[in-house]
C-alpha atoms as a PDB file:
ATOM      1  CA  MET A   1      -5.409  15.398  -1.687  1.00  0.00           C
ATOM      2  CA  SER A   2      -3.433  15.610  -4.852  1.00  0.00           C
ATOM      3  CA  SER A   3      -2.174  12.105  -5.264  1.00  0.00           C
ATOM      4  CA  PHE A   4      -3.431   8.496  -5.812  1.00  0.00           C
ATOM      5  CA  LEU A   5      -2.648   7.524  -2.234  1.00  0.00           C
ATOM      6  CA  SER A   6      -5.453   9.275  -0.428  1.00  0.00           C
ATOM      7  CA  ARG A   7      -7.225   5.925  -0.144  1.00  0.00           C
ATOM      8  CA  ARG A   8      -4.569   4.554   2.229  1.00  0.00           C
ATOM      9  CA  HIS A   9      -2.095   7.320   3.060  1.00  0.00           C
ATOM     10  CA  PHE A  10      -2.889   7.211   6.802  1.00  0.00           C
ATOM     11  CA  LEU A  11      -1.553   3.691   7.229  1.00  0.00           C
ATOM     12  CA  ARG A  12       0.648   3.923  10.293  1.00  0.00           C
ATOM     13  CA  PHE A  13       3.952   2.136  10.675  1.00  0.00           C
ATOM     14  CA  ALA A  14       7.003   2.602  12.795  1.00  0.00           C
ATOM     15  CA  LEU A  15      10.500   1.326  12.293  1.00  0.00           C
ATOM     16  CA  VAL A  16      11.742   0.124  15.577  1.00  0.00           C
ATOM     17  CA  SER A  17      15.341   0.774  16.555  1.00  0.00           C
ATOM     18  CA  ALA A  18      17.134  -1.829  18.662  1.00  0.00           C
ATOM     19  CA  GLY A  19      15.082  -2.749  21.658  1.00  0.00           C
ATOM     20  CA  MET A  20      12.661   0.214  21.512  1.00  0.00           C
ATOM     21  CA  LEU A  21       9.296   0.915  19.915  1.00  0.00           C
ATOM     22  CA  GLY A  22      10.281   4.396  18.777  1.00  0.00           C
ATOM     23  CA  ALA A  23       7.009   4.801  16.926  1.00  0.00           C
ATOM     24  CA  ALA A  24       5.414   7.805  15.373  1.00  0.00           C
ATOM     25  CA  PRO A  25       2.235   8.432  13.355  1.00  0.00           C
ATOM     26  CA  LEU A  26       2.845   8.000   9.670  1.00  0.00           C
ATOM     27  CA  LEU A  27       2.737  11.685   8.772  1.00  0.00           C
ATOM     28  CA  SER A  28       5.556  12.486  11.133  1.00  0.00           C
ATOM     29  CA  LEU A  29       7.530   9.362  10.640  1.00  0.00           C
ATOM     30  CA  ALA A  30      11.282   9.716  10.394  1.00  0.00           C
ATOM     31  CA  PRO A  31      12.817   6.216  10.907  1.00  0.00           C
ATOM     32  CA  SER A  32      15.653   6.242  13.426  1.00  0.00           C
ATOM     33  CA  ALA A  33      16.771   2.698  12.718  1.00  0.00           C
ATOM     34  CA  THR A  34      20.563   2.471  12.297  1.00  0.00           C
ATOM     35  CA  LEU A  35      22.142   0.439   9.604  1.00  0.00           C
ATOM     36  CA  ALA A  36      25.744  -0.809   9.106  1.00  0.00           C
ATOM     37  CA  ARG A  37      27.776  -1.845   6.087  1.00  0.00           C
ATOM     38  CA  THR A  38      30.398  -4.473   6.325  1.00  0.00           C
ATOM     39  CA  SER A  39      32.969  -1.676   6.261  1.00  0.00           C
ATOM     40  CA  GLY A  40      32.179  -1.002   9.917  1.00  0.00           C
ATOM     41  CA  SER A  41      30.582   2.354   9.398  1.00  0.00           C
ATOM     42  CA  GLU A  42      27.688   2.947  11.724  1.00  0.00           C
ATOM     43  CA  GLU A  43      26.376   6.024  10.121  1.00  0.00           C
ATOM     44  CA  THR A  44      22.880   6.160   8.709  1.00  0.00           C
ATOM     45  CA  TYR A  45      21.548   8.527   6.077  1.00  0.00           C
ATOM     46  CA  THR A  46      17.819   9.222   6.107  1.00  0.00           C
ATOM     47  CA  ARG A  47      15.845  11.557   3.879  1.00  0.00           C
ATOM     48  CA  THR A  48      12.093  12.117   3.789  1.00  0.00           C
ATOM     49  CA  ALA A  49      10.121  13.669   0.987  1.00  0.00           C
ATOM     50  CA  LEU A  50       6.404  14.521   0.682  1.00  0.00           C
ATOM     51  CA  PHE A  51       4.695  13.005  -2.407  1.00  0.00           C
ATOM     52  CA  MET A  52       1.891  10.517  -3.170  1.00  0.00           C
ATOM     53  CA  GLY A  53      -0.042  12.280  -0.399  1.00  0.00           C
ATOM     54  CA  THR A  54       2.262  10.930   2.272  1.00  0.00           C
ATOM     55  CA  MET A  55       5.763  10.947   3.631  1.00  0.00           C
ATOM     56  CA  VAL A  56       8.224   8.791   1.702  1.00  0.00           C
ATOM     57  CA  THR A  57      11.311   7.928   3.684  1.00  0.00           C
ATOM     58  CA  VAL A  58      14.594   6.436   2.513  1.00  0.00           C
ATOM     59  CA  THR A  59      17.145   5.178   4.917  1.00  0.00           C
ATOM     60  CA  VAL A  60      20.544   3.911   3.758  1.00  0.00           C
ATOM     61  CA  ALA A  61      23.044   2.094   5.942  1.00  0.00           C
ATOM     62  CA  GLY A  62      26.723   2.855   6.612  1.00  0.00           C
ATOM     63  CA  THR A  63      26.944   6.037   4.578  1.00  0.00           C
ATOM     64  CA  THR A  64      26.801   9.819   4.652  1.00  0.00           C
ATOM     65  CA  PRO A  65      24.839  12.413   2.731  1.00  0.00           C
ATOM     66  CA  GLU A  66      27.952  13.148   0.697  1.00  0.00           C
ATOM     67  CA  GLN A  67      28.256   9.499  -0.349  1.00  0.00           C
ATOM     68  CA  ALA A  68      24.625   8.464  -0.814  1.00  0.00           C
ATOM     69  CA  GLY A  69      22.977  11.791  -1.462  1.00  0.00           C
ATOM     70  CA  GLU A  70      22.880  11.435  -5.242  1.00  0.00           C
ATOM     71  CA  ALA A  71      21.519   7.828  -5.165  1.00  0.00           C
ATOM     72  CA  VAL A  72      18.840   8.732  -2.736  1.00  0.00           C
ATOM     73  CA  SER A  73      17.855  11.813  -4.745  1.00  0.00           C
ATOM     74  CA  THR A  74      17.637   9.596  -7.855  1.00  0.00           C
ATOM     75  CA  ALA A  75      15.391   7.053  -6.016  1.00  0.00           C
ATOM     76  CA  LEU A  76      13.072   9.799  -4.742  1.00  0.00           C
ATOM     77  CA  ALA A  77      12.884  11.441  -8.150  1.00  0.00           C
ATOM     78  CA  LEU A  78      11.990   8.029  -9.710  1.00  0.00           C
ATOM     79  CA  GLY A  79       9.230   7.533  -7.143  1.00  0.00           C
ATOM     80  CA  ARG A  80       7.879  11.014  -7.684  1.00  0.00           C
ATOM     81  CA  ASP A  81       7.799  10.670 -11.476  1.00  0.00           C
ATOM     82  CA  MET A  82       6.052   7.300 -11.266  1.00  0.00           C
ATOM     83  CA  ALA A  83       3.475   8.694  -8.874  1.00  0.00           C
ATOM     84  CA  GLY A  84       2.761  11.445 -11.384  1.00  0.00           C
ATOM     85  CA  THR A  85       2.129   8.822 -14.067  1.00  0.00           C
ATOM     86  CA  LEU A  86      -0.181   6.672 -11.962  1.00  0.00           C
ATOM     87  CA  THR A  87      -2.237   9.215 -10.132  1.00  0.00           C
ATOM     88  CA  ARG A  88      -6.026   9.208 -10.589  1.00  0.00           C
ATOM     89  CA  PHE A  89      -6.397  12.698  -9.131  1.00  0.00           C
ATOM     90  CA  ASN A  90      -4.830  14.642 -11.969  1.00  0.00           C
ATOM     91  CA  THR A  91      -7.049  14.603 -15.112  1.00  0.00           C
ATOM     92  CA  SER A  92      -4.016  15.445 -17.293  1.00  0.00           C
ATOM     93  CA  ALA A  93      -2.087  12.379 -16.061  1.00  0.00           C
ATOM     94  CA  PRO A  94      -2.416   9.186 -18.135  1.00  0.00           C
ATOM     95  CA  LEU A  95      -4.692   7.400 -15.655  1.00  0.00           C
ATOM     96  CA  GLY A  96      -6.788  10.530 -15.222  1.00  0.00           C
ATOM     97  CA  GLN A  97      -7.199  10.792 -18.941  1.00  0.00           C
ATOM     98  CA  LEU A  98      -8.288   7.142 -19.160  1.00  0.00           C
ATOM     99  CA  ASN A  99     -10.855   7.577 -16.394  1.00  0.00           C
ATOM    100  CA  ALA A 100     -12.162  10.759 -18.027  1.00  0.00           C
ATOM    101  CA  SER A 101     -12.508   9.517 -21.575  1.00  0.00           C
ATOM    102  CA  THR A 102     -12.645   5.661 -21.137  1.00  0.00           C
ATOM    103  CA  ALA A 103      -9.832   5.278 -23.723  1.00  0.00           C
ATOM    104  CA  LEU A 104      -6.115   5.943 -23.860  1.00  0.00           C
ATOM    105  CA  ASN A 105      -4.468   5.043 -27.151  1.00  0.00           C
ATOM    106  CA  ASP A 106      -0.838   5.635 -26.219  1.00  0.00           C
ATOM    107  CA  ALA A 107      -0.512   4.683 -22.555  1.00  0.00           C
ATOM    108  CA  PRO A 108       2.951   4.946 -21.015  1.00  0.00           C
ATOM    109  CA  PRO A 109       4.621   1.571 -20.521  1.00  0.00           C
ATOM    110  CA  ALA A 110       4.577   2.016 -16.704  1.00  0.00           C
ATOM    111  CA  LEU A 111       0.813   2.272 -16.724  1.00  0.00           C
ATOM    112  CA  VAL A 112       0.396  -0.706 -19.085  1.00  0.00           C
ATOM    113  CA  HIS A 113       2.721  -2.789 -16.911  1.00  0.00           C
ATOM    114  CA  LEU A 114       0.859  -2.022 -13.692  1.00  0.00           C
ATOM    115  CA  MET A 115      -2.486  -2.736 -15.318  1.00  0.00           C
ATOM    116  CA  GLN A 116      -1.118  -6.148 -16.409  1.00  0.00           C
ATOM    117  CA  ARG A 117       0.078  -6.786 -12.821  1.00  0.00           C
ATOM    118  CA  SER A 118      -3.334  -5.677 -11.549  1.00  0.00           C
ATOM    119  CA  GLN A 119      -4.971  -8.219 -13.828  1.00  0.00           C
ATOM    120  CA  GLN A 120      -2.684 -10.905 -12.391  1.00  0.00           C
ATOM    121  CA  MET A 121      -3.524  -9.913  -8.868  1.00  0.00           C
ATOM    122  CA  HIS A 122      -7.192  -9.871  -9.676  1.00  0.00           C
ATOM    123  CA  ALA A 123      -6.946 -13.460 -10.880  1.00  0.00           C
ATOM    124  CA  LEU A 124      -4.759 -14.534  -7.954  1.00  0.00           C
ATOM    125  CA  THR A 125      -7.204 -13.205  -5.402  1.00  0.00           C
ATOM    126  CA  GLY A 126     -10.351 -14.530  -7.042  1.00  0.00           C
ATOM    127  CA  GLY A 127     -11.470 -11.037  -7.950  1.00  0.00           C
ATOM    128  CA  ALA A 128     -11.007  -9.525  -4.471  1.00  0.00           C
ATOM    129  CA  PHE A 129      -8.350  -7.173  -5.811  1.00  0.00           C
ATOM    130  CA  ASP A 130     -10.162  -5.033  -8.286  1.00  0.00           C
ATOM    131  CA  PRO A 131      -8.952  -1.578  -9.419  1.00  0.00           C
ATOM    132  CA  THR A 132     -12.304  -0.848 -11.069  1.00  0.00           C
ATOM    133  CA  VAL A 133     -13.988  -0.100  -7.689  1.00  0.00           C
ATOM    134  CA  LEU A 134     -13.454   3.688  -8.194  1.00  0.00           C
ATOM    135  CA  PRO A 135     -17.171   4.374  -8.756  1.00  0.00           C
ATOM    136  CA  LEU A 136     -17.868   2.794  -5.309  1.00  0.00           C
ATOM    137  CA  LEU A 137     -15.086   4.955  -3.754  1.00  0.00           C
ATOM    138  CA  HIS A 138     -16.631   8.086  -5.340  1.00  0.00           C
ATOM    139  CA  LEU A 139     -20.004   7.143  -3.859  1.00  0.00           C
ATOM    140  CA  LEU A 140     -18.501   6.767  -0.395  1.00  0.00           C
ATOM    141  CA  GLU A 141     -16.390   9.929  -0.760  1.00  0.00           C
ATOM    142  CA  SER A 142     -19.582  11.859  -1.492  1.00  0.00           C
ATOM    143  CA  HIS A 143     -20.714  11.046   2.069  1.00  0.00           C
ATOM    144  CA  ARG A 144     -17.653  12.365   3.976  1.00  0.00           C
ATOM    145  CA  ASP A 145     -19.932  14.778   5.854  1.00  0.00           C
ATOM    146  CA  HIS A 146     -21.571  11.789   7.536  1.00  0.00           C
ATOM    147  CA  LYS A 147     -18.283  10.784   9.354  1.00  0.00           C
ATOM    148  CA  ALA A 148     -19.706  11.746  12.797  1.00  0.00           C
ATOM    149  CA  GLN A 149     -22.673   9.463  12.426  1.00  0.00           C
ATOM    150  CA  LYS A 150     -22.493   5.937  13.828  1.00  0.00           C
ATOM    151  CA  HIS A 151     -24.295   4.419  10.831  1.00  0.00           C
ATOM    152  CA  LEU A 152     -24.119   5.356   7.180  1.00  0.00           C
ATOM    153  CA  GLN A 153     -26.990   4.073   5.057  1.00  0.00           C
ATOM    154  CA  LEU A 154     -26.190   4.335   1.399  1.00  0.00           C
ATOM    155  CA  ASP A 155     -28.992   4.488  -1.141  1.00  0.00           C
ATOM    156  CA  GLN A 156     -29.115   0.912  -2.559  1.00  0.00           C
ATOM    157  CA  ALA A 157     -30.011   2.117  -5.990  1.00  0.00           C
ATOM    158  CA  GLU A 158     -26.871   4.228  -5.972  1.00  0.00           C
ATOM    159  CA  VAL A 159     -24.867   1.199  -4.851  1.00  0.00           C
ATOM    160  CA  ARG A 160     -26.320  -0.916  -7.623  1.00  0.00           C
ATOM    161  CA  ASP A 161     -25.561   1.778 -10.147  1.00  0.00           C
ATOM    162  CA  ALA A 162     -21.937   1.909  -8.948  1.00  0.00           C
ATOM    163  CA  LEU A 163     -21.604  -1.772  -8.997  1.00  0.00           C
ATOM    164  CA  GLU A 164     -22.712  -1.817 -12.653  1.00  0.00           C
ATOM    165  CA  MET A 165     -19.500   0.084 -13.420  1.00  0.00           C
ATOM    166  CA  VAL A 166     -17.216  -2.390 -11.567  1.00  0.00           C
ATOM    167  CA  GLY A 167     -15.507  -5.365 -13.241  1.00  0.00           C
ATOM    168  CA  MET A 168     -11.991  -6.068 -14.531  1.00  0.00           C
ATOM    169  CA  GLU A 169     -13.459  -7.984 -17.430  1.00  0.00           C
ATOM    170  CA  ARG A 170     -14.638  -4.640 -18.731  1.00  0.00           C
ATOM    171  CA  VAL A 171     -11.064  -3.251 -18.981  1.00  0.00           C
ATOM    172  CA  HIS A 172      -9.350  -4.067 -22.311  1.00  0.00           C
ATOM    173  CA  ALA A 173      -5.801  -3.704 -23.386  1.00  0.00           C
ATOM    174  CA  ASP A 174      -4.305  -3.927 -26.910  1.00  0.00           C
ATOM    175  CA  GLY A 175      -0.637  -3.096 -26.828  1.00  0.00           C
ATOM    176  CA  TYR A 176      -0.349   0.390 -25.413  1.00  0.00           C
ATOM    177  CA  ALA A 177      -4.071   1.089 -25.912  1.00  0.00           C
ATOM    178  CA  LEU A 178      -6.349   0.860 -22.845  1.00  0.00           C
ATOM    179  CA  ARG A 179     -10.146   1.008 -22.946  1.00  0.00           C
ATOM    180  CA  LEU A 180     -12.914   0.961 -20.444  1.00  0.00           C
ATOM    181  CA  GLU A 181     -16.226  -0.446 -21.729  1.00  0.00           C
ATOM    182  CA  ARG A 182     -18.579   2.123 -20.221  1.00  0.00           C
ATOM    183  CA  GLN A 183     -18.618   5.822 -19.429  1.00  0.00           C
ATOM    184  CA  GLY A 184     -18.592   6.169 -15.709  1.00  0.00           C
ATOM    185  CA  MET A 185     -16.117   3.435 -15.077  1.00  0.00           C
ATOM    186  CA  GLY A 186     -12.854   4.304 -13.427  1.00  0.00           C
ATOM    187  CA  ILE A 187      -9.569   2.813 -12.371  1.00  0.00           C
ATOM    188  CA  THR A 188      -7.861   3.354  -9.016  1.00  0.00           C
ATOM    189  CA  LEU A 189      -4.358   1.953  -8.473  1.00  0.00           C
ATOM    190  CA  ASP A 190      -4.352   3.041  -4.857  1.00  0.00           C
ATOM    191  CA  GLY A 191      -3.996  -0.564  -3.700  1.00  0.00           C
ATOM    192  CA  ILE A 192      -0.973  -1.537  -5.745  1.00  0.00           C
ATOM    193  CA  ALA A 193       0.936   1.539  -7.084  1.00  0.00           C
ATOM    194  CA  LYS A 194       2.573   2.570  -3.777  1.00  0.00           C
ATOM    195  CA  GLY A 195       4.078  -0.850  -3.286  1.00  0.00           C
ATOM    196  CA  HIS A 196       5.238  -0.936  -6.906  1.00  0.00           C
ATOM    197  CA  ILE A 197       6.961   2.531  -6.405  1.00  0.00           C
ATOM    198  CA  ALA A 198       8.592   1.284  -3.215  1.00  0.00           C
ATOM    199  CA  ASP A 199      10.003  -1.642  -5.152  1.00  0.00           C
ATOM    200  CA  LEU A 200      11.383   0.590  -7.898  1.00  0.00           C
ATOM    201  CA  MET A 201      13.034   2.933  -5.384  1.00  0.00           C
ATOM    202  CA  SER A 202      14.606  -0.051  -3.619  1.00  0.00           C
ATOM    203  CA  ARG A 203      15.983  -1.456  -6.853  1.00  0.00           C
ATOM    204  CA  SER A 204      17.375   1.896  -7.714  1.00  0.00           C
ATOM    205  CA  LEU A 205      19.313   2.088  -4.455  1.00  0.00           C
ATOM    206  CA  SER A 206      20.615  -1.409  -4.824  1.00  0.00           C
ATOM    207  CA  SER A 207      21.774  -0.680  -8.368  1.00  0.00           C
ATOM    208  CA  ALA A 208      23.599   2.397  -7.178  1.00  0.00           C
ATOM    209  CA  GLY A 209      25.589   0.282  -4.724  1.00  0.00           C
ATOM    210  CA  TYR A 210      23.562   0.713  -1.557  1.00  0.00           C
ATOM    211  CA  PRO A 211      22.108  -2.699  -0.769  1.00  0.00           C
ATOM    212  CA  ASN A 212      21.443  -1.962   2.924  1.00  0.00           C
ATOM    213  CA  HIS A 213      18.354   0.285   2.905  1.00  0.00           C
ATOM    214  CA  CYS A 214      14.696   0.718   3.775  1.00  0.00           C
ATOM    215  CA  VAL A 215      12.121   2.460   1.630  1.00  0.00           C
ATOM    216  CA  ASN A 216       9.033   3.437   3.583  1.00  0.00           C
ATOM    217  CA  ALA A 217       6.390   4.687   1.050  1.00  0.00           C
ATOM    218  CA  GLY A 218       3.891   5.763   3.558  1.00  0.00           C
ATOM    219  CA  GLY A 219       3.418   2.397   5.177  1.00  0.00           C
ATOM    220  CA  ASP A 220       4.312   0.167   2.237  1.00  0.00           C
ATOM    221  CA  ILE A 221       7.809  -0.891   3.224  1.00  0.00           C
ATOM    222  CA  ALA A 222      10.589  -2.492   1.135  1.00  0.00           C
ATOM    223  CA  VAL A 223      13.699  -3.614   2.989  1.00  0.00           C
ATOM    224  CA  SER A 224      17.090  -4.828   1.793  1.00  0.00           C
ATOM    225  CA  GLY A 225      20.166  -5.864   3.801  1.00  0.00           C
ATOM    226  CA  SER A 226      20.637  -5.145   7.429  1.00  0.00           C
ATOM    227  CA  LYS A 227      20.960  -2.290   9.887  1.00  0.00           C
ATOM    228  CA  LEU A 228      23.337  -1.826  12.795  1.00  0.00           C
ATOM    229  CA  LYS A 229      25.587  -4.870  13.496  1.00  0.00           C
ATOM    230  CA  GLY A 230      23.742  -6.972  10.939  1.00  0.00           C
ATOM    231  CA  GLN A 231      20.430  -6.686  12.737  1.00  0.00           C
ATOM    232  CA  PRO A 232      17.203  -7.021  10.791  1.00  0.00           C
ATOM    233  CA  TRP A 233      14.783  -4.218  10.177  1.00  0.00           C
ATOM    234  CA  ARG A 234      12.021  -4.237  12.808  1.00  0.00           C
ATOM    235  CA  ILE A 235       8.671  -2.868  11.719  1.00  0.00           C
ATOM    236  CA  ALA A 236       5.804  -2.212  14.215  1.00  0.00           C
ATOM    237  CA  ILE A 237       2.251  -2.466  13.061  1.00  0.00           C
ATOM    238  CA  GLU A 238      -0.111  -0.095  14.713  1.00  0.00           C
ATOM    239  CA  ASP A 239      -3.556  -0.904  15.971  1.00  0.00           C
ATOM    240  CA  PRO A 240      -6.005   1.412  14.182  1.00  0.00           C
ATOM    241  CA  TYR A 241      -8.112   1.595  17.304  1.00  0.00           C
ATOM    242  CA  GLY A 242      -5.213   2.307  19.608  1.00  0.00           C
ATOM    243  CA  LYS A 243      -6.262  -0.497  21.981  1.00  0.00           C
ATOM    244  CA  ASN A 244      -3.007  -2.315  21.607  1.00  0.00           C
ATOM    245  CA  ALA A 245      -0.453   0.202  20.257  1.00  0.00           C
ATOM    246  CA  TYR A 246       1.572  -2.333  18.360  1.00  0.00           C
ATOM    247  CA  PRO A 247      -0.083  -5.739  18.138  1.00  0.00           C
ATOM    248  CA  GLN A 248       2.740  -7.212  16.022  1.00  0.00           C
ATOM    249  CA  VAL A 249       6.344  -6.548  15.173  1.00  0.00           C
ATOM    250  CA  VAL A 250       7.895  -7.951  11.977  1.00  0.00           C
ATOM    251  CA  GLU A 251      11.688  -8.443  11.488  1.00  0.00           C
ATOM    252  CA  ALA A 252      13.122  -8.775   7.991  1.00  0.00           C
ATOM    253  CA  TYR A 253      16.399  -8.528   6.036  1.00  0.00           C
ATOM    254  CA  SER A 254      14.798  -8.435   2.651  1.00  0.00           C
ATOM    255  CA  GLY A 255      11.289  -8.336   1.160  1.00  0.00           C
ATOM    256  CA  ALA A 256       8.311  -6.201   2.001  1.00  0.00           C
ATOM    257  CA  VAL A 257       5.591  -5.432   4.455  1.00  0.00           C
ATOM    258  CA  ALA A 258       2.243  -3.699   3.683  1.00  0.00           C
ATOM    259  CA  THR A 259      -0.870  -3.082   5.623  1.00  0.00           C
ATOM    260  CA  SER A 260      -4.452  -2.195   4.651  1.00  0.00           C
ATOM    261  CA  GLY A 261      -6.931  -1.106   7.215  1.00  0.00           C
ATOM    262  CA  ILE A 262      -9.302   1.486   8.580  1.00  0.00           C
ATOM    263  CA  TYR A 263      -6.535   3.866   9.524  1.00  0.00           C
ATOM    264  CA  GLU A 264      -8.291   7.231   9.503  1.00  0.00           C
ATOM    265  CA  ILE A 265     -10.028   6.603   6.126  1.00  0.00           C
ATOM    266  CA  PHE A 266     -13.660   5.921   6.971  1.00  0.00           C
ATOM    267  CA  TYR A 267     -16.995   7.496   6.401  1.00  0.00           C
ATOM    268  CA  ASN A 268     -18.898   6.970   9.633  1.00  0.00           C
ATOM    269  CA  ALA A 269     -18.138   6.946  13.360  1.00  0.00           C
ATOM    270  CA  ASP A 270     -17.624   3.164  13.782  1.00  0.00           C
ATOM    271  CA  ALA A 271     -15.577   2.753  10.597  1.00  0.00           C
ATOM    272  CA  SER A 272     -17.995   0.139   9.212  1.00  0.00           C
ATOM    273  CA  ARG A 273     -18.107   2.200   6.081  1.00  0.00           C
ATOM    274  CA  ASN A 274     -14.528   2.560   4.897  1.00  0.00           C
ATOM    275  CA  HIS A 275     -12.319   2.943   1.791  1.00  0.00           C
ATOM    276  CA  LEU A 276     -11.767  -0.859   1.408  1.00  0.00           C
ATOM    277  CA  VAL A 277     -14.738  -2.043  -0.579  1.00  0.00           C
ATOM    278  CA  ASN A 278     -15.936  -5.411  -1.884  1.00  0.00           C
ATOM    279  CA  PRO A 279     -16.169  -5.158  -5.702  1.00  0.00           C
ATOM    280  CA  VAL A 280     -19.081  -7.685  -5.730  1.00  0.00           C
ATOM    281  CA  THR A 281     -21.308  -6.427  -2.884  1.00  0.00           C
ATOM    282  CA  GLY A 282     -20.069  -2.842  -2.309  1.00  0.00           C
ATOM    283  CA  ALA A 283     -19.676  -3.629   1.409  1.00  0.00           C
ATOM    284  CA  SER A 284     -16.669  -2.235   3.297  1.00  0.00           C
ATOM    285  CA  ALA A 285     -13.916  -4.300   4.918  1.00  0.00           C
ATOM    286  CA  GLY A 286     -14.902  -6.453   7.889  1.00  0.00           C
ATOM    287  CA  LEU A 287     -11.409  -6.438   9.434  1.00  0.00           C
ATOM    288  CA  ALA A 288      -9.635  -3.662  11.220  1.00  0.00           C
ATOM    289  CA  SER A 289      -6.391  -4.287   9.300  1.00  0.00           C
ATOM    290  CA  VAL A 290      -4.455  -6.850   7.335  1.00  0.00           C
ATOM    291  CA  THR A 291      -0.674  -6.923   7.249  1.00  0.00           C
ATOM    292  CA  VAL A 292       1.092  -8.969   4.496  1.00  0.00           C
ATOM    293  CA  THR A 293       4.775  -9.939   4.131  1.00  0.00           C
ATOM    294  CA  ALA A 294       5.871 -10.833   0.663  1.00  0.00           C
ATOM    295  CA  PRO A 295       9.055 -11.033  -1.518  1.00  0.00           C
ATOM    296  CA  ASP A 296       8.169  -7.694  -3.122  1.00  0.00           C
ATOM    297  CA  CYS A 297       6.075  -4.637  -2.115  1.00  0.00           C
ATOM    298  CA  LEU A 298       3.765  -4.647  -5.067  1.00  0.00           C
ATOM    299  CA  THR A 299       2.567  -8.173  -4.079  1.00  0.00           C
ATOM    300  CA  ALA A 300       2.282  -7.273  -0.445  1.00  0.00           C
ATOM    301  CA  ASP A 301       0.385  -4.121  -1.180  1.00  0.00           C
ATOM    302  CA  ALA A 302      -2.168  -5.768  -3.516  1.00  0.00           C
ATOM    303  CA  LEU A 303      -2.648  -8.790  -1.287  1.00  0.00           C
ATOM    304  CA  ALA A 304      -3.250  -6.701   1.748  1.00  0.00           C
ATOM    305  CA  THR A 305      -5.866  -4.688  -0.157  1.00  0.00           C
ATOM    306  CA  ALA A 306      -7.627  -7.845  -1.315  1.00  0.00           C
ATOM    307  CA  MET A 307      -7.459  -9.765   1.987  1.00  0.00           C
ATOM    308  CA  ALA A 308      -9.055  -6.840   3.806  1.00  0.00           C
ATOM    309  CA  ILE A 309     -12.358  -7.618   2.138  1.00  0.00           C
ATOM    310  CA  MET A 310     -12.032 -11.415   1.924  1.00  0.00           C
ATOM    311  CA  PRO A 311     -13.527 -13.809   4.498  1.00  0.00           C
ATOM    312  CA  PRO A 312     -10.704 -14.433   7.003  1.00  0.00           C
ATOM    313  CA  ARG A 313     -10.481 -18.112   6.302  1.00  0.00           C
ATOM    314  CA  GLU A 314     -10.041 -17.451   2.559  1.00  0.00           C
ATOM    315  CA  ALA A 315      -7.384 -14.761   3.258  1.00  0.00           C
ATOM    316  CA  LEU A 316      -5.406 -17.121   5.553  1.00  0.00           C
ATOM    317  CA  HIS A 317      -5.695 -19.971   3.049  1.00  0.00           C
ATOM    318  CA  LEU A 318      -4.446 -17.751   0.201  1.00  0.00           C
ATOM    319  CA  ALA A 319      -1.434 -16.627   2.227  1.00  0.00           C
ATOM    320  CA  ASP A 320      -0.555 -20.171   3.128  1.00  0.00           C
ATOM    321  CA  SER A 321      -0.758 -21.186  -0.529  1.00  0.00           C
ATOM    322  CA  LEU A 322       1.723 -18.515  -1.774  1.00  0.00           C
ATOM    323  CA  SER A 323       5.494 -19.008  -1.510  1.00  0.00           C
ATOM    324  CA  GLY A 324       7.195 -16.428   0.568  1.00  0.00           C
ATOM    325  CA  CYS A 325       3.916 -14.756   1.667  1.00  0.00           C
ATOM    326  CA  ALA A 326       2.217 -14.525   5.087  1.00  0.00           C
ATOM    327  CA  CYS A 327      -0.503 -12.424   6.654  1.00  0.00           C
ATOM    328  CA  CYS A 328      -1.771 -11.301   9.984  1.00  0.00           C
ATOM    329  CA  LEU A 329      -5.450 -10.209  10.315  1.00  0.00           C
ATOM    330  CA  LEU A 330      -6.418  -7.826  13.032  1.00  0.00           C
ATOM    331  CA  ARG A 331     -10.071  -8.115  14.054  1.00  0.00           C
ATOM    332  CA  HIS A 332     -12.219  -5.272  15.390  1.00  0.00           C
ATOM    333  CA  ASP A 333     -12.075  -6.867  18.839  1.00  0.00           C
ATOM    334  CA  GLY A 334      -8.270  -6.563  18.863  1.00  0.00           C
ATOM    335  CA  LEU A 335      -7.559 -10.308  18.389  1.00  0.00           C
ATOM    336  CA  THR A 336      -5.313 -11.428  15.631  1.00  0.00           C
ATOM    337  CA  GLN A 337      -5.407 -14.393  13.217  1.00  0.00           C
ATOM    338  CA  CYS A 338      -2.165 -15.204  11.397  1.00  0.00           C
ATOM    339  CA  SER A 339      -1.245 -17.529   8.565  1.00  0.00           C
ATOM    340  CA  ARG A 340       1.051 -20.496   9.213  1.00  0.00           C
ATOM    341  CA  ASN A 341       4.121 -18.823   7.756  1.00  0.00           C
ATOM    342  CA  TRP A 342       3.710 -15.582   9.759  1.00  0.00           C
ATOM    343  CA  ARG A 343       6.951 -14.672  11.521  1.00  0.00           C
ATOM    344  CA  GLY A 344       5.842 -11.545  13.392  1.00  0.00           C
ATOM    345  CA  ARG A 345       5.443 -11.488  17.129  1.00  0.00           C
ATOM    346  CA  SER A 346       3.505  -9.580  19.723  1.00  0.00           C
ATOM    347  CA  ALA A 347       5.185  -6.347  20.795  1.00  0.00           C
END
């Protein structure tokens, strides 16, 4: 995979058109939700592009390709350019250079900004959100050939060595200069950058005069305005085990929805070893998935990543303490636990 989103690019969402769960797996997702402007137009313009290792879909209400084509192209180009800056998979990209050399003296403002936001989310989540877990991910990724096995026993000495390279306190910034304390450390922005890019694309569309839209960046979804006849966007969350196709449906006129879970990205048969790792213990997430609603997609993305490895009670308490945020935890037995402000419902 050639982009920073391989960690979570199999998240599955479906936009639900009026009264129907017209769902599709993420990699074939083409939202059919219909939007309407106040002008009365009922046309919807949708375009999908492949970047960040996933399908990125933009849907704009009450318009035609001739009217909104340029604005959508601009938003997609913005997203693609930002993904190229933030990818960890390209050693010539800024983040790739930082990981390879441990120092980047002239980091682009976009990378510096996202590192600052990552520090903030790290503090907000009590350290659960930690972009320095890349050495742990590399260790897990080296065991991809064990996926058919029920259990994956990692060498504990290797786990300890990887954990020695983890810690946001070992990341230093001085203006546009970034430095990692030790060779072997690495930064992954997989759990925050996709949401950030969805936000940027959404703002671009609003600035261009298209406030009624949805940006689906491979499962991190930013919505604005309404669809047909003033109806809200309806977003169905898929059960990663397929036991309950859509455990919850969320409706929203503005804001964001993001999910972290064991959707396809795991390293043994029962998914107990997956890509969501605890930066303190090295253990994988104990929940099947976490969905977060928030005012912006960056926040939703980072919180979902963090809450997936937090004890459920702590995750629920954190969501309840944050204005405009809510979460729904899906356990491995198919049951859900939701925060007080959760507004989703069973499908």
